[in-house]
Amino acid sequence: MYFQFGLRSSLLLIFFVHGLVYAILLWRKGVLNETVSDKWLSAFLFLCVLYISPWMLGFAGWYDTQPYCDILFYMPMQHLFLMGPVIFFMYRVY
């Protein structure tokens, strides 16, 4: 996998990995404890991770290489319209 490390891509990679790990851990906690609010918070964190992923991959040089450029152009990674309902349902469950 092509990933060109730079200052911007490395900083975004740190936040991407932490957000993804916390989303997975919250999802697991929600499944084990049967709490719906943890699952909603996990979904919100995952949407935030998807939101920063185009910038992280763009600074890593994915827009310059051909097979990865098609992935960035045709894969929807910014689901901004889903963030509002996820936050609403997360607080509605509390």
C-alpha atoms as a PDB file:
ATOM      1  CA  MET A   1       0.000   0.000   0.000  1.00  0.00           C
ATOM      2  CA  TYR A   2       1.350   3.367  -1.005  1.00  0.00           C
ATOM      3  CA  PHE A   3       1.571   5.874   1.864  1.00  0.00           C
ATOM      4  CA  GLN A   4       4.001   8.789   1.764  1.00  0.00           C
ATOM      5  CA  PHE A   5       4.617   9.961   5.316  1.00  0.00           C
ATOM      6  CA  GLY A   6       4.750  13.687   5.851  1.00  0.00           C
ATOM      7  CA  LEU A   7       3.942  16.020   8.719  1.00  0.00           C
ATOM      8  CA  ARG A   8       0.293  16.522   7.779  1.00  0.00           C
ATOM      9  CA  SER A   9      -0.466  12.938   6.852  1.00  0.00           C
ATOM     10  CA  SER A  10       1.246  11.602   9.979  1.00  0.00           C
ATOM     11  CA  LEU A  11      -0.719  13.911  12.268  1.00  0.00           C
ATOM     12  CA  LEU A  12      -3.987  12.950  10.623  1.00  0.00           C
ATOM     13  CA  LEU A  13      -2.992   9.271  10.740  1.00  0.00           C
ATOM     14  CA  ILE A  14      -2.624   9.507  14.529  1.00  0.00           C
ATOM     15  CA  PHE A  15      -6.144  10.918  14.900  1.00  0.00           C
ATOM     16  CA  PHE A  16      -7.513   8.439  12.352  1.00  0.00           C
ATOM     17  CA  VAL A  17      -6.104   5.419  14.191  1.00  0.00           C
ATOM     18  CA  HIS A  18      -7.186   6.654  17.622  1.00  0.00           C
ATOM     19  CA  GLY A  19     -10.695   7.409  16.397  1.00  0.00           C
ATOM     20  CA  LEU A  20     -10.992   4.023  14.726  1.00  0.00           C
ATOM     21  CA  VAL A  21      -9.726   2.171  17.807  1.00  0.00           C
ATOM     22  CA  TYR A  22     -12.109   4.033  20.118  1.00  0.00           C
ATOM     23  CA  ALA A  23     -15.018   3.439  17.738  1.00  0.00           C
ATOM     24  CA  ILE A  24     -14.300  -0.298  17.739  1.00  0.00           C
ATOM     25  CA  LEU A  25     -13.891  -0.377  21.526  1.00  0.00           C
ATOM     26  CA  LEU A  26     -17.133   1.539  22.063  1.00  0.00           C
ATOM     27  CA  TRP A  27     -18.986  -0.759  19.672  1.00  0.00           C
ATOM     28  CA  ARG A  28     -17.663  -3.772  21.572  1.00  0.00           C
ATOM     29  CA  LYS A  29     -18.671  -2.217  24.892  1.00  0.00           C
ATOM     30  CA  GLY A  30     -22.136  -1.496  23.530  1.00  0.00           C
ATOM     31  CA  VAL A  31     -22.570  -5.077  22.354  1.00  0.00           C
ATOM     32  CA  LEU A  32     -21.301  -6.634  25.587  1.00  0.00           C
ATOM     33  CA  ASN A  33     -23.205  -4.314  27.966  1.00  0.00           C
ATOM     34  CA  GLU A  34     -26.229  -3.972  25.663  1.00  0.00           C
ATOM     35  CA  THR A  35     -26.149  -0.171  25.789  1.00  0.00           C
ATOM     36  CA  VAL A  36     -27.465   1.559  22.705  1.00  0.00           C
ATOM     37  CA  SER A  37     -25.844   4.911  23.497  1.00  0.00           C
ATOM     38  CA  ASP A  38     -22.358   3.412  23.216  1.00  0.00           C
ATOM     39  CA  LYS A  39     -23.235   2.055  19.794  1.00  0.00           C
ATOM     40  CA  TRP A  40     -24.476   5.471  18.654  1.00  0.00           C
ATOM     41  CA  LEU A  41     -21.333   7.162  19.973  1.00  0.00           C
ATOM     42  CA  SER A  42     -19.286   4.552  18.143  1.00  0.00           C
ATOM     43  CA  ALA A  43     -21.155   5.333  14.931  1.00  0.00           C
ATOM     44  CA  PHE A  44     -20.483   9.055  15.415  1.00  0.00           C
ATOM     45  CA  LEU A  45     -16.762   8.444  15.949  1.00  0.00           C
ATOM     46  CA  PHE A  46     -16.656   6.260  12.847  1.00  0.00           C
ATOM     47  CA  LEU A  47     -18.319   9.023  10.814  1.00  0.00           C
ATOM     48  CA  CYS A  48     -15.724  11.484  12.125  1.00  0.00           C
ATOM     49  CA  VAL A  49     -12.959   9.097  11.079  1.00  0.00           C
ATOM     50  CA  LEU A  50     -14.491   8.822   7.611  1.00  0.00           C
ATOM     51  CA  TYR A  51     -14.653  12.627   7.458  1.00  0.00           C
ATOM     52  CA  ILE A  52     -10.896  13.129   7.953  1.00  0.00           C
ATOM     53  CA  SER A  53      -9.789  10.174   5.823  1.00  0.00           C
ATOM     54  CA  PRO A  54      -9.769  11.985   2.405  1.00  0.00           C
ATOM     55  CA  TRP A  55      -7.421  14.658   3.760  1.00  0.00           C
ATOM     56  CA  MET A  56      -5.152  12.091   5.388  1.00  0.00           C
ATOM     57  CA  LEU A  57      -4.947  10.015   2.216  1.00  0.00           C
ATOM     58  CA  GLY A  58      -4.617  13.107   0.041  1.00  0.00           C
ATOM     59  CA  PHE A  59      -1.639  14.405   2.006  1.00  0.00           C
ATOM     60  CA  ALA A  60      -0.173  10.884   1.825  1.00  0.00           C
ATOM     61  CA  GLY A  61      -0.036  11.124  -1.969  1.00  0.00           C
ATOM     62  CA  TRP A  62      -3.027   9.025  -2.957  1.00  0.00           C
ATOM     63  CA  TYR A  63      -4.286  11.630  -5.420  1.00  0.00           C
ATOM     64  CA  ASP A  64      -1.066  11.244  -7.423  1.00  0.00           C
ATOM     65  CA  THR A  65      -1.123   7.474  -7.946  1.00  0.00           C
ATOM     66  CA  GLN A  66      -3.667   5.986 -10.319  1.00  0.00           C
ATOM     67  CA  PRO A  67      -5.375   3.039  -8.585  1.00  0.00           C
ATOM     68  CA  TYR A  68      -5.802   4.995  -5.347  1.00  0.00           C
ATOM     69  CA  CYS A  69      -7.060   8.109  -7.114  1.00  0.00           C
ATOM     70  CA  ASP A  70     -10.115   6.213  -8.366  1.00  0.00           C
ATOM     71  CA  ILE A  71     -10.871   5.020  -4.831  1.00  0.00           C
ATOM     72  CA  LEU A  72     -10.849   8.571  -3.479  1.00  0.00           C
ATOM     73  CA  PHE A  73     -13.032   9.927  -6.267  1.00  0.00           C
ATOM     74  CA  TYR A  74     -15.723   7.246  -6.252  1.00  0.00           C
ATOM     75  CA  MET A  75     -15.861   6.078  -2.613  1.00  0.00           C
ATOM     76  CA  PRO A  76     -18.153   8.225  -0.447  1.00  0.00           C
ATOM     77  CA  MET A  77     -16.303   9.029   2.773  1.00  0.00           C
ATOM     78  CA  GLN A  78     -18.003  12.193   3.965  1.00  0.00           C
ATOM     79  CA  HIS A  79     -21.396  11.392   5.395  1.00  0.00           C
ATOM     80  CA  LEU A  80     -22.146  14.792   6.896  1.00  0.00           C
ATOM     81  CA  PHE A  81     -25.906  14.401   6.675  1.00  0.00           C
ATOM     82  CA  LEU A  82     -25.738  11.342   8.940  1.00  0.00           C
ATOM     83  CA  MET A  83     -23.895  13.111  11.781  1.00  0.00           C
ATOM     84  CA  GLY A  84     -26.910  15.115  12.915  1.00  0.00           C
ATOM     85  CA  PRO A  85     -29.331  12.187  13.248  1.00  0.00           C
ATOM     86  CA  VAL A  86     -26.654  10.063  14.933  1.00  0.00           C
ATOM     87  CA  ILE A  87     -26.077  12.763  17.559  1.00  0.00           C
ATOM     88  CA  PHE A  88     -29.843  13.176  17.984  1.00  0.00           C
ATOM     89  CA  PHE A  89     -30.442   9.468  18.567  1.00  0.00           C
ATOM     90  CA  MET A  90     -27.392   9.209  20.821  1.00  0.00           C
ATOM     91  CA  TYR A  91     -28.809  11.836  23.158  1.00  0.00           C
ATOM     92  CA  ARG A  92     -32.362  10.584  22.750  1.00  0.00           C
ATOM     93  CA  VAL A  93     -31.331   7.199  24.199  1.00  0.00           C
ATOM     94  CA  TYR A  94     -29.871   8.796  27.332  1.00  0.00           C
END
